[in-house]
Structures are given as structure tokens and as C-alpha cells.
């Protein structure tokens, strides 16, 4: 077996050119998709698109060795910028808790019942008292 056959490098061969194009396309898609997806998940799609566009030339020239570091740089930038937004929105959300007119807020506004009152609602042996029983003066019209 002739080992020189495996050591030959021919950039004009159609198989080499096809592999080069496929490698560049995979590097571009991977390098651009990472910051775009991370930016959308963190609520910063514009910054993610900018990161994807900046990673494309590096991926075309250097493949994954150039595109992935640029993509990870923008992931770090998006993480730092979005972390500041999340802390501000959490504080704002907690301070405006009572401003919402949702139906769910009623259960938070009610005072807690004692354990005895909680058990009384399930106690079927005792007669339940109502206003009618308390105000009953013998008048049958009520």
C-alpha cells in the first residue's frame, strides 16, 4: 500500500471543496445560533442578533475556532446585561404586589385561620351556625 496516496493534499479536488463548504456552513450556523438563542431566552433578541452577525465572519475565516469564541463572548455580554434587568424587575414586582387587581390576590389578603377553625369546617357532627340561627326570634316569615 502506498502511503503517499493518503498524504496528498489537493485543494482543487471536488471532494475537498465540498467538505470545506460544508464545514464553513456548519461553523456559521453553530456560531450564529448560540448568541441568538441565548439572547432570545434572556429577553435580549437584538443583542443576540448582533452577536450572531459578529460571529459569522469569524466562523467563515477560522471555522469553529474563530466563531465559537466570538459567540461565547456575546453570550457573556448578554448574561451580564440581562442579570441587571432581572434584579430590577424582581424588586419592582415585589414592591407593586398589592397594585394588581387580580382575583388571586384575595387569598393573600385574607387573614390566616387558626388550626381550630380549619378543623371546624370539616367537622360534620356539629351543627353549623348561620345568621338565621343567631337572629332567630321565632318569626316564620324569614
C-alpha atoms as a PDB file:
ATOM      1  CA  UNK A   1       0.000   0.000   0.000  1.00  0.00           C
ATOM      2  CA  UNK A   2       1.369   3.351  -0.994  1.00  0.00           C
ATOM      3  CA  UNK A   3       1.279   5.840   1.924  1.00  0.00           C
ATOM      4  CA  UNK A   4       1.868   8.819  -0.346  1.00  0.00           C
ATOM      5  CA  UNK A   5      -1.709   8.435  -1.530  1.00  0.00           C
ATOM      6  CA  UNK A   6      -3.053   9.446   1.890  1.00  0.00           C
ATOM      7  CA  UNK A   7      -0.608  12.318   2.347  1.00  0.00           C
ATOM      8  CA  UNK A   8      -1.552  14.144  -0.835  1.00  0.00           C
ATOM      9  CA  UNK A   9      -3.264  17.476  -0.450  1.00  0.00           C
ATOM     10  CA  UNK A  10      -5.176  18.721  -3.460  1.00  0.00           C
ATOM     11  CA  UNK A  11      -7.270  21.849  -2.802  1.00  0.00           C
ATOM     12  CA  UNK A  12      -8.707  21.647  -6.309  1.00  0.00           C
ATOM     13  CA  UNK A  13     -10.294  18.251  -5.737  1.00  0.00           C
ATOM     14  CA  UNK A  14     -14.121  18.429  -5.708  1.00  0.00           C
ATOM     15  CA  UNK A  15     -14.365  16.371  -2.519  1.00  0.00           C
ATOM     16  CA  UNK A  16     -12.086  18.774  -0.657  1.00  0.00           C
ATOM     17  CA  UNK A  17     -14.040  21.817  -1.789  1.00  0.00           C
ATOM     18  CA  UNK A  18     -17.362  20.232  -0.839  1.00  0.00           C
ATOM     19  CA  UNK A  19     -16.026  19.355   2.625  1.00  0.00           C
ATOM     20  CA  UNK A  20     -14.688  22.874   3.046  1.00  0.00           C
ATOM     21  CA  UNK A  21     -18.066  24.409   2.187  1.00  0.00           C
ATOM     22  CA  UNK A  22     -19.968  22.020   4.472  1.00  0.00           C
ATOM     23  CA  UNK A  23     -17.561  22.759   7.332  1.00  0.00           C
ATOM     24  CA  UNK A  24     -17.920  26.503   6.902  1.00  0.00           C
ATOM     25  CA  UNK A  25     -21.740  26.270   6.773  1.00  0.00           C
ATOM     26  CA  UNK A  26     -21.843  24.172   9.964  1.00  0.00           C
ATOM     27  CA  UNK A  27     -19.464  26.582  11.745  1.00  0.00           C
ATOM     28  CA  UNK A  28     -21.516  29.613  10.666  1.00  0.00           C
ATOM     29  CA  UNK A  29     -24.843  28.098  11.727  1.00  0.00           C
ATOM     30  CA  UNK A  30     -23.500  26.923  15.074  1.00  0.00           C
ATOM     31  CA  UNK A  31     -21.644  30.136  15.867  1.00  0.00           C
ATOM     32  CA  UNK A  32     -24.573  32.379  14.948  1.00  0.00           C
ATOM     33  CA  UNK A  33     -27.272  30.279  16.607  1.00  0.00           C
ATOM     34  CA  UNK A  34     -25.685  30.268  20.065  1.00  0.00           C
ATOM     35  CA  UNK A  35     -25.867  34.032  20.824  1.00  0.00           C
ATOM     36  CA  UNK A  36     -29.209  34.419  19.038  1.00  0.00           C
ATOM     37  CA  UNK A  37     -30.861  31.635  21.053  1.00  0.00           C
ATOM     38  CA  UNK A  38     -29.331  32.858  24.312  1.00  0.00           C
ATOM     39  CA  UNK A  39     -30.371  36.448  23.620  1.00  0.00           C
ATOM     40  CA  UNK A  40     -33.965  35.415  22.900  1.00  0.00           C
ATOM     41  CA  UNK A  41     -34.115  33.288  26.065  1.00  0.00           C
ATOM     42  CA  UNK A  42     -32.861  36.193  28.196  1.00  0.00           C
ATOM     43  CA  UNK A  43     -35.133  38.808  26.620  1.00  0.00           C
ATOM     44  CA  UNK A  44     -32.376  40.459  24.580  1.00  0.00           C
ATOM     45  CA  UNK A  45     -33.008  39.340  20.971  1.00  0.00           C
ATOM     46  CA  UNK A  46     -31.374  42.415  19.403  1.00  0.00           C
ATOM     47  CA  UNK A  47     -28.128  41.844  21.267  1.00  0.00           C
ATOM     48  CA  UNK A  48     -28.269  38.167  20.321  1.00  0.00           C
ATOM     49  CA  UNK A  49     -28.639  39.016  16.629  1.00  0.00           C
ATOM     50  CA  UNK A  50     -25.711  41.445  16.846  1.00  0.00           C
ATOM     51  CA  UNK A  51     -23.630  38.668  18.410  1.00  0.00           C
ATOM     52  CA  UNK A  52     -24.675  36.236  15.695  1.00  0.00           C
ATOM     53  CA  UNK A  53     -23.785  38.691  12.937  1.00  0.00           C
ATOM     54  CA  UNK A  54     -20.381  39.357  14.516  1.00  0.00           C
ATOM     55  CA  UNK A  55     -19.673  35.627  14.858  1.00  0.00           C
ATOM     56  CA  UNK A  56     -20.379  34.900  11.165  1.00  0.00           C
ATOM     57  CA  UNK A  57     -17.203  36.491   9.674  1.00  0.00           C
ATOM     58  CA  UNK A  58     -15.023  34.862  12.307  1.00  0.00           C
ATOM     59  CA  UNK A  59     -16.632  31.498  11.539  1.00  0.00           C
ATOM     60  CA  UNK A  60     -16.148  31.945   7.790  1.00  0.00           C
ATOM     61  CA  UNK A  61     -12.467  32.777   8.132  1.00  0.00           C
ATOM     62  CA  UNK A  62     -11.428  30.477  11.002  1.00  0.00           C
ATOM     63  CA  UNK A  63     -14.283  27.976  11.289  1.00  0.00           C
ATOM     64  CA  UNK A  64     -15.406  26.928  14.750  1.00  0.00           C
ATOM     65  CA  UNK A  65     -12.061  28.020  16.219  1.00  0.00           C
ATOM     66  CA  UNK A  66     -12.953  31.631  15.414  1.00  0.00           C
ATOM     67  CA  UNK A  67     -16.742  31.661  15.513  1.00  0.00           C
ATOM     68  CA  UNK A  68     -17.332  29.916  18.839  1.00  0.00           C
ATOM     69  CA  UNK A  69     -15.137  32.238  20.947  1.00  0.00           C
ATOM     70  CA  UNK A  70     -16.899  35.269  19.466  1.00  0.00           C
ATOM     71  CA  UNK A  71     -20.278  33.632  20.154  1.00  0.00           C
ATOM     72  CA  UNK A  72     -19.299  32.851  23.742  1.00  0.00           C
ATOM     73  CA  UNK A  73     -18.079  36.425  24.200  1.00  0.00           C
ATOM     74  CA  UNK A  74     -21.527  37.700  23.266  1.00  0.00           C
ATOM     75  CA  UNK A  75     -23.188  35.088  25.495  1.00  0.00           C
ATOM     76  CA  UNK A  76     -21.203  36.550  28.388  1.00  0.00           C
ATOM     77  CA  UNK A  77     -22.204  40.092  27.449  1.00  0.00           C
ATOM     78  CA  UNK A  78     -25.878  39.110  27.231  1.00  0.00           C
ATOM     79  CA  UNK A  79     -25.680  37.311  30.586  1.00  0.00           C
ATOM     80  CA  UNK A  80     -24.183  40.356  32.318  1.00  0.00           C
ATOM     81  CA  UNK A  81     -26.661  42.795  30.768  1.00  0.00           C
ATOM     82  CA  UNK A  82     -29.717  40.630  31.398  1.00  0.00           C
ATOM     83  CA  UNK A  83     -28.741  39.904  35.010  1.00  0.00           C
ATOM     84  CA  UNK A  84     -29.092  43.605  35.834  1.00  0.00           C
ATOM     85  CA  UNK A  85     -32.546  43.655  34.224  1.00  0.00           C
ATOM     86  CA  UNK A  86     -33.769  40.674  36.231  1.00  0.00           C
ATOM     87  CA  UNK A  87     -32.814  42.142  39.606  1.00  0.00           C
ATOM     88  CA  UNK A  88     -34.573  45.413  38.772  1.00  0.00           C
ATOM     89  CA  UNK A  89     -37.756  43.689  37.645  1.00  0.00           C
ATOM     90  CA  UNK A  90     -37.818  41.441  40.724  1.00  0.00           C
ATOM     91  CA  UNK A  91     -37.591  44.419  43.045  1.00  0.00           C
ATOM     92  CA  UNK A  92     -40.240  46.295  41.101  1.00  0.00           C
ATOM     93  CA  UNK A  93     -42.546  43.284  41.022  1.00  0.00           C
ATOM     94  CA  UNK A  94     -42.316  42.776  44.801  1.00  0.00           C
ATOM     95  CA  UNK A  95     -42.959  46.434  45.550  1.00  0.00           C
ATOM     96  CA  UNK A  96     -46.110  46.511  43.383  1.00  0.00           C
ATOM     97  CA  UNK A  97     -47.637  43.348  44.778  1.00  0.00           C
ATOM     98  CA  UNK A  98     -50.800  45.000  46.070  1.00  0.00           C
ATOM     99  CA  UNK A  99     -51.407  47.124  42.955  1.00  0.00           C
ATOM    100  CA  UNK A 100     -52.754  44.317  40.795  1.00  0.00           C
ATOM    101  CA  UNK A 101     -56.490  43.767  40.534  1.00  0.00           C
ATOM    102  CA  UNK A 102     -56.283  40.015  40.092  1.00  0.00           C
ATOM    103  CA  UNK A 103     -58.697  37.589  41.653  1.00  0.00           C
ATOM    104  CA  UNK A 104     -55.781  35.589  43.006  1.00  0.00           C
ATOM    105  CA  UNK A 105     -54.854  38.359  45.447  1.00  0.00           C
ATOM    106  CA  UNK A 106     -57.898  37.685  47.616  1.00  0.00           C
ATOM    107  CA  UNK A 107     -56.388  34.610  49.176  1.00  0.00           C
ATOM    108  CA  UNK A 108     -53.289  36.589  50.188  1.00  0.00           C
ATOM    109  CA  UNK A 109     -55.340  39.372  51.759  1.00  0.00           C
ATOM    110  CA  UNK A 110     -57.415  37.054  53.932  1.00  0.00           C
ATOM    111  CA  UNK A 111     -56.138  36.536  57.463  1.00  0.00           C
ATOM    112  CA  UNK A 112     -54.950  33.060  58.269  1.00  0.00           C
ATOM    113  CA  UNK A 113     -57.310  30.827  60.157  1.00  0.00           C
ATOM    114  CA  UNK A 114     -56.346  29.122  63.333  1.00  0.00           C
ATOM    115  CA  UNK A 115     -55.941  25.337  63.247  1.00  0.00           C
ATOM    116  CA  UNK A 116     -59.164  25.014  65.252  1.00  0.00           C
ATOM    117  CA  UNK A 117     -61.160  26.950  62.637  1.00  0.00           C
ATOM    118  CA  UNK A 118     -59.637  24.876  59.873  1.00  0.00           C
ATOM    119  CA  UNK A 119     -60.797  21.699  61.617  1.00  0.00           C
ATOM    120  CA  UNK A 120     -64.273  23.097  62.285  1.00  0.00           C
ATOM    121  CA  UNK A 121     -65.097  23.303  58.598  1.00  0.00           C
ATOM    122  CA  UNK A 122     -64.623  19.551  58.247  1.00  0.00           C
ATOM    123  CA  UNK A 123     -66.409  18.604  61.455  1.00  0.00           C
ATOM    124  CA  UNK A 124     -69.787  17.297  60.225  1.00  0.00           C
ATOM    125  CA  UNK A 125     -71.022  16.130  63.630  1.00  0.00           C
ATOM    126  CA  UNK A 126     -71.619  19.633  64.948  1.00  0.00           C
ATOM    127  CA  UNK A 127     -74.481  21.722  63.583  1.00  0.00           C
ATOM    128  CA  UNK A 128     -73.377  24.692  61.550  1.00  0.00           C
ATOM    129  CA  UNK A 129     -74.372  28.112  62.800  1.00  0.00           C
ATOM    130  CA  UNK A 130     -75.639  30.743  60.429  1.00  0.00           C
ATOM    131  CA  UNK A 131     -77.048  34.233  60.757  1.00  0.00           C
ATOM    132  CA  UNK A 132     -80.548  32.926  60.597  1.00  0.00           C
ATOM    133  CA  UNK A 133     -79.920  30.712  63.634  1.00  0.00           C
ATOM    134  CA  UNK A 134     -78.324  33.563  65.568  1.00  0.00           C
ATOM    135  CA  UNK A 135     -81.061  36.095  64.711  1.00  0.00           C
ATOM    136  CA  UNK A 136     -83.927  33.664  65.007  1.00  0.00           C
ATOM    137  CA  UNK A 137     -86.676  35.316  67.032  1.00  0.00           C
ATOM    138  CA  UNK A 138     -89.343  32.805  66.127  1.00  0.00           C
ATOM    139  CA  UNK A 139     -90.683  34.695  63.122  1.00  0.00           C
ATOM    140  CA  UNK A 140     -91.626  32.064  60.444  1.00  0.00           C
ATOM    141  CA  UNK A 141     -91.629  34.639  57.620  1.00  0.00           C
ATOM    142  CA  UNK A 142     -87.860  34.599  57.345  1.00  0.00           C
END
